[in-house]
Amino acid sequence: MRLIVLTLLALLAFAGNSILNRWALLDNSTGPITFSFVRVVSGATFLWIIVAASNYKWRPKIQIFQAVSLAVYILCFSIAYLNLGIGIGAIVLFGGVQFTMFGLAALTSEKITIWKIIGALISFIGLCVLFLPNEILILNASAMWIMIAAAIGWGVYSFLGKNAKNPLLETAQNLVWATPIVGIFFVFWHDGISFNGFILAIISGAITSGLGYIIWYSVLPSLKTSLAAILQLSVPIIAALAGVIFFSEAMTLELILAIILVIIGTFVSLIQVREK
């Protein structure tokens, strides 16, 4: 039960990141690079306050792959949301995450059942629906590919988290080391931020990113890589509904079909897990 609750909280935090990021960029008064920088700095600062309060000793250990993959995700995620709606952005992101993690699981010889493969294929078809020639793709093709890059970054970061021994300390360290990478882009492409965007970036960094990543890293060792990938596909559903309810985003036929296929794919994959 504890694993289910923590996993649900992590997934809600991921959906929250999509909502907060899109909200901040809506009126064009906040740029994605500055938002990303404030987000990563606030996340790193908040977690290191918790680390200090927990009497953990600082270990100046850089995990280069975690830091780079996290920075790639944070930057590309924000840039893509300049032109993508919440639901479309989330489904492209977590569809891409699923296949990144499935590929990495296969490379490491993790046993993947036939039901997981079928579920993944159904979900993949759902993702492909969004890439069929349509108005959304024509207007936002580059943003969708940038979100795919974010997906690869997050997929690699989640995969590497399977070996996390201390979720709090390792998440804090990863955010600290990702900060200078994002900072380089901030120095050369400072694109401004409004007061509203600044507050949303802090919330995204400290709460939905910082605490969300800790929770996610704490449950990853208990989840198979393939299952962790599948579970994240529930995030676009939450994000898409929030986009419709709070931001009056259009629920297109392509998006509805993609969500339905993702739900079916996720259900098919998880039935086999429960039967075991």
Protein backbone atom coordinates (compact mmCIF):
# COMPACT_ATOMS: atom_id res chain seq x y z
CA MET A 1 0.00 0.00 0.00
CA ARG A 2 2.84 2.38 0.88
CA LEU A 3 4.45 1.76 -2.52
CA ILE A 4 1.16 2.52 -4.30
CA VAL A 5 0.62 5.77 -2.37
CA LEU A 6 4.19 7.00 -2.94
CA THR A 7 4.08 6.10 -6.62
CA LEU A 8 0.79 7.98 -7.01
CA LEU A 9 2.24 11.05 -5.27
CA ALA A 10 5.26 11.00 -7.59
CA LEU A 11 3.05 10.75 -10.68
CA LEU A 12 0.89 13.65 -9.45
CA ALA A 13 4.06 15.70 -8.95
CA PHE A 14 5.11 14.98 -12.54
CA ALA A 15 1.73 16.16 -13.81
CA GLY A 16 2.14 19.23 -11.62
CA ASN A 17 5.40 20.08 -13.38
CA SER A 18 3.63 20.17 -16.74
CA ILE A 19 0.85 22.36 -15.36
CA LEU A 20 3.17 24.83 -13.58
CA ASN A 21 5.57 25.10 -16.53
CA ARG A 22 2.85 25.75 -19.09
CA TRP A 23 1.10 28.20 -16.74
CA ALA A 24 4.28 30.23 -16.32
CA LEU A 25 4.89 30.50 -20.06
CA LEU A 26 1.31 31.27 -21.13
CA ASP A 27 1.55 35.08 -21.32
CA ASN A 28 5.09 35.13 -22.78
CA SER A 29 6.38 37.23 -19.86
CA THR A 30 8.55 34.34 -18.67
CA GLY A 31 11.16 32.59 -20.81
CA PRO A 32 11.83 28.83 -20.66
CA ILE A 33 15.56 29.15 -19.95
CA THR A 34 15.14 31.48 -16.98
CA PHE A 35 12.24 29.38 -15.69
CA SER A 36 14.44 26.27 -15.91
CA PHE A 37 17.28 27.97 -14.06
CA VAL A 38 15.08 29.22 -11.20
CA ARG A 39 13.46 25.79 -11.05
CA VAL A 40 16.72 23.85 -10.73
CA VAL A 41 18.27 26.35 -8.28
CA SER A 42 15.21 26.35 -6.01
CA GLY A 43 15.03 22.56 -6.13
CA ALA A 44 18.71 22.16 -5.27
CA THR A 45 18.53 24.76 -2.48
CA PHE A 46 15.38 23.30 -0.92
CA LEU A 47 16.73 19.77 -0.90
CA TRP A 48 20.06 20.78 0.55
CA ILE A 49 18.28 22.53 3.40
CA ILE A 50 16.56 19.21 4.09
CA VAL A 51 19.88 17.36 3.75
CA ALA A 52 21.53 19.71 6.26
CA ALA A 53 18.62 19.36 8.68
CA SER A 54 18.88 15.57 8.38
CA ASN A 55 22.57 15.68 9.40
CA TYR A 56 23.75 14.05 6.19
CA LYS A 57 27.33 14.83 5.24
CA TRP A 58 27.99 16.47 1.90
CA ARG A 59 29.73 14.11 -0.46
CA PRO A 60 31.22 16.01 -3.42
CA LYS A 61 30.47 13.15 -5.77
CA ILE A 62 29.40 14.07 -9.26
CA GLN A 63 27.27 11.56 -11.13
CA ILE A 64 27.80 12.97 -14.58
CA PHE A 65 25.17 10.93 -16.44
CA GLN A 66 22.48 11.76 -13.87
CA ALA A 67 23.39 15.46 -13.91
CA VAL A 68 23.46 15.75 -17.70
CA SER A 69 20.29 13.73 -18.29
CA LEU A 70 18.44 15.76 -15.64
CA ALA A 71 19.63 19.06 -17.14
CA VAL A 72 18.61 17.97 -20.65
CA TYR A 73 15.16 17.04 -19.38
CA ILE A 74 14.64 20.31 -17.46
CA LEU A 75 15.75 22.56 -20.34
CA CYS A 76 14.01 20.75 -23.19
CA PHE A 77 10.84 20.32 -21.11
CA SER A 78 10.46 24.08 -20.62
CA ILE A 79 11.42 25.02 -24.18
CA ALA A 80 8.89 22.56 -25.64
CA TYR A 81 6.08 23.96 -23.49
CA LEU A 82 6.40 27.33 -25.23
CA ASN A 83 4.27 25.90 -28.03
CA LEU A 84 2.69 22.71 -26.72
CA GLY A 85 -0.50 22.32 -24.71
CA ILE A 86 -0.26 20.59 -21.34
CA GLY A 87 -1.83 17.31 -22.42
CA ILE A 88 0.00 16.97 -25.74
CA GLY A 89 3.32 17.87 -24.13
CA ALA A 90 2.83 15.35 -21.34
CA ILE A 91 1.83 12.47 -23.60
CA VAL A 92 4.79 13.07 -25.94
CA LEU A 93 7.09 13.30 -22.92
CA PHE A 94 5.98 10.17 -21.12
CA GLY A 95 5.42 8.20 -24.31
CA GLY A 96 9.05 8.91 -25.14
CA VAL A 97 10.09 8.08 -21.57
CA GLN A 98 8.40 4.70 -21.82
CA PHE A 99 10.32 3.66 -24.91
CA THR A 100 13.61 5.02 -23.61
CA MET A 101 13.23 2.96 -20.44
CA PHE A 102 12.00 -0.11 -22.32
CA GLY A 103 15.04 0.09 -24.56
CA LEU A 104 17.38 0.42 -21.59
CA ALA A 105 15.61 -2.45 -19.80
CA ALA A 106 16.09 -4.67 -22.84
CA LEU A 107 19.77 -3.74 -23.06
CA THR A 108 20.25 -4.76 -19.41
CA SER A 109 18.44 -8.07 -19.95
CA GLU A 110 15.49 -7.29 -17.69
CA LYS A 111 12.73 -9.84 -18.25
CA ILE A 112 9.87 -8.15 -20.09
CA THR A 113 6.65 -10.18 -20.33
CA ILE A 114 4.61 -10.48 -23.50
CA TRP A 115 1.80 -8.48 -21.85
CA LYS A 116 4.12 -5.58 -21.16
CA ILE A 117 5.29 -5.66 -24.77
CA ILE A 118 1.71 -5.68 -26.07
CA GLY A 119 0.77 -2.86 -23.70
CA ALA A 120 3.79 -0.84 -24.78
CA LEU A 121 2.94 -1.32 -28.45
CA ILE A 122 -0.65 -0.16 -27.89
CA SER A 123 0.64 2.91 -26.05
CA PHE A 124 3.16 3.52 -28.84
CA ILE A 125 0.34 3.53 -31.39
CA GLY A 126 -1.37 6.15 -29.21
CA LEU A 127 1.77 8.28 -29.30
CA CYS A 128 2.04 7.85 -33.07
CA VAL A 129 -1.47 9.26 -33.48
CA LEU A 130 -0.11 12.64 -32.40
CA PHE A 131 2.61 12.45 -35.05
CA LEU A 132 0.24 11.77 -37.94
CA PRO A 133 -0.10 14.71 -40.36
CA ASN A 134 -2.47 17.13 -38.64
CA GLU A 135 -2.70 20.78 -37.62
CA ILE A 136 -1.03 20.16 -34.24
CA LEU A 137 2.01 18.52 -35.83
CA ILE A 138 2.32 21.14 -38.57
CA LEU A 139 2.30 24.01 -36.07
CA ASN A 140 4.34 22.36 -33.31
CA ALA A 141 6.62 19.79 -34.96
CA SER A 142 9.86 21.26 -33.58
CA ALA A 143 8.41 21.57 -30.07
CA MET A 144 7.30 17.94 -30.15
CA TRP A 145 10.79 16.77 -31.10
CA ILE A 146 12.30 18.92 -28.36
CA MET A 147 9.93 17.20 -25.93
CA ILE A 148 11.18 13.84 -27.23
CA ALA A 149 14.69 15.00 -26.24
CA ALA A 150 13.32 15.81 -22.77
CA ALA A 151 11.81 12.32 -22.68
CA ILE A 152 15.14 10.69 -23.41
CA GLY A 153 16.75 12.76 -20.65
CA TRP A 154 14.10 11.80 -18.08
CA GLY A 155 14.08 8.16 -19.21
CA VAL A 156 17.83 7.88 -18.70
CA TYR A 157 17.60 9.68 -15.34
CA SER A 158 14.84 7.34 -14.13
CA PHE A 159 16.74 4.28 -15.33
CA LEU A 160 19.87 5.33 -13.45
CA GLY A 161 17.74 5.89 -10.33
CA LYS A 162 17.17 2.14 -10.05
CA ASN A 163 20.42 1.93 -8.11
CA ALA A 164 19.74 4.83 -5.74
CA LYS A 165 20.77 3.97 -2.17
CA ASN A 166 19.83 7.29 -0.57
CA PRO A 167 17.06 9.04 -2.57
CA LEU A 168 17.25 12.34 -0.66
CA LEU A 169 21.01 12.75 -0.86
CA GLU A 170 21.34 11.54 -4.44
CA THR A 171 18.46 13.69 -5.70
CA ALA A 172 19.95 16.74 -3.98
CA GLN A 173 23.37 16.02 -5.49
CA ASN A 174 21.93 15.52 -8.96
CA LEU A 175 20.07 18.84 -8.81
CA VAL A 176 23.19 20.61 -7.53
CA TRP A 177 25.32 19.27 -10.39
CA ALA A 178 22.60 19.94 -12.97
CA THR A 179 22.49 23.60 -11.88
CA PRO A 180 25.75 24.76 -13.56
CA ILE A 181 24.76 22.99 -16.79
CA VAL A 182 21.43 24.82 -16.89
CA GLY A 183 23.26 27.94 -15.66
CA ILE A 184 25.44 28.04 -18.79
CA PHE A 185 22.31 28.37 -20.93
CA PHE A 186 20.90 30.97 -18.54
CA VAL A 187 24.04 33.15 -18.86
CA PHE A 188 23.97 33.16 -22.66
CA TRP A 189 20.21 33.05 -23.27
CA HIS A 190 18.70 34.96 -20.36
CA ASP A 191 15.08 35.42 -21.48
CA GLY A 192 13.43 37.09 -18.48
CA ILE A 193 10.89 36.07 -15.90
CA SER A 194 7.78 37.66 -14.37
CA PHE A 195 6.93 37.62 -10.66
CA ASN A 196 4.24 35.02 -11.33
CA GLY A 197 6.68 32.92 -13.35
CA PHE A 198 9.29 33.22 -10.59
CA ILE A 199 6.88 31.91 -7.94
CA LEU A 200 5.71 29.07 -10.18
CA ALA A 201 9.33 28.12 -10.93
CA ILE A 202 10.12 27.96 -7.21
CA ILE A 203 7.09 25.75 -6.56
CA SER A 204 8.04 23.56 -9.50
CA GLY A 205 11.65 23.31 -8.33
CA ALA A 206 11.13 22.78 -4.62
CA ILE A 207 7.88 20.83 -4.47
CA THR A 208 6.87 19.06 -7.68
CA SER A 209 10.50 18.52 -8.76
CA GLY A 210 12.52 18.31 -5.54
CA LEU A 211 10.10 16.34 -3.39
CA GLY A 212 8.65 14.56 -6.42
CA TYR A 213 12.09 13.29 -7.49
CA ILE A 214 12.88 12.08 -3.95
CA ILE A 215 9.65 10.10 -3.84
CA TRP A 216 10.27 8.72 -7.34
CA TYR A 217 13.83 7.68 -6.54
CA SER A 218 12.57 6.02 -3.34
CA VAL A 219 10.08 3.80 -5.21
CA LEU A 220 12.20 3.03 -8.30
CA PRO A 221 14.25 0.26 -6.61
CA SER A 222 10.95 -1.54 -5.89
CA LEU A 223 9.70 -1.26 -9.49
CA LYS A 224 10.94 -3.03 -12.58
CA THR A 225 12.23 -0.57 -15.16
CA SER A 226 9.52 -1.58 -17.62
CA LEU A 227 6.75 -1.15 -15.01
CA ALA A 228 8.10 2.25 -13.96
CA ALA A 229 7.96 3.30 -17.60
CA ILE A 230 4.38 2.12 -18.03
CA LEU A 231 3.12 3.75 -14.83
CA GLN A 232 4.37 7.16 -15.95
CA LEU A 233 1.97 7.01 -18.89
CA SER A 234 -0.87 7.88 -16.50
CA VAL A 235 0.61 11.38 -16.10
CA PRO A 236 -0.62 12.77 -19.47
CA ILE A 237 -4.20 11.90 -18.56
CA ILE A 238 -4.00 13.98 -15.37
CA ALA A 239 -2.18 16.79 -17.18
CA ALA A 240 -4.58 16.85 -20.14
CA LEU A 241 -7.63 17.08 -17.89
CA ALA A 242 -5.99 19.93 -15.96
CA GLY A 243 -5.28 21.74 -19.23
CA VAL A 244 -8.93 21.51 -20.27
CA ILE A 245 -10.34 22.46 -16.85
CA PHE A 246 -7.96 25.25 -15.82
CA PHE A 247 -6.60 26.62 -19.12
CA SER A 248 -9.47 25.93 -21.54
CA GLU A 249 -7.21 23.92 -23.82
CA ALA A 250 -8.89 22.07 -26.67
CA MET A 251 -9.37 18.33 -26.30
CA THR A 252 -8.75 17.31 -29.91
CA LEU A 253 -9.78 14.02 -31.45
CA GLU A 254 -6.12 13.05 -31.83
CA LEU A 255 -5.41 13.74 -28.16
CA ILE A 256 -8.52 11.84 -27.00
CA LEU A 257 -7.60 8.83 -29.15
CA ALA A 258 -4.00 8.96 -27.93
CA ILE A 259 -5.10 9.04 -24.28
CA ILE A 260 -7.54 6.13 -24.79
CA LEU A 261 -4.84 4.00 -26.39
CA VAL A 262 -2.39 4.88 -23.62
CA ILE A 263 -4.95 3.88 -20.97
CA ILE A 264 -5.61 0.56 -22.73
CA GLY A 265 -1.89 -0.09 -23.12
CA THR A 266 -1.20 0.68 -19.48
CA PHE A 267 -4.10 -1.53 -18.34
CA VAL A 268 -2.93 -4.47 -20.47
CA SER A 269 0.57 -4.18 -19.03
CA LEU A 270 -0.56 -3.94 -15.40
CA ILE A 271 -3.07 -6.82 -15.49
CA GLN A 272 -0.24 -9.29 -15.87
CA VAL A 273 1.64 -7.68 -12.98
CA ARG A 274 -1.34 -8.09 -10.66
CA GLU A 275 -1.87 -11.69 -11.71
CA LYS A 276 1.64 -12.51 -10.60
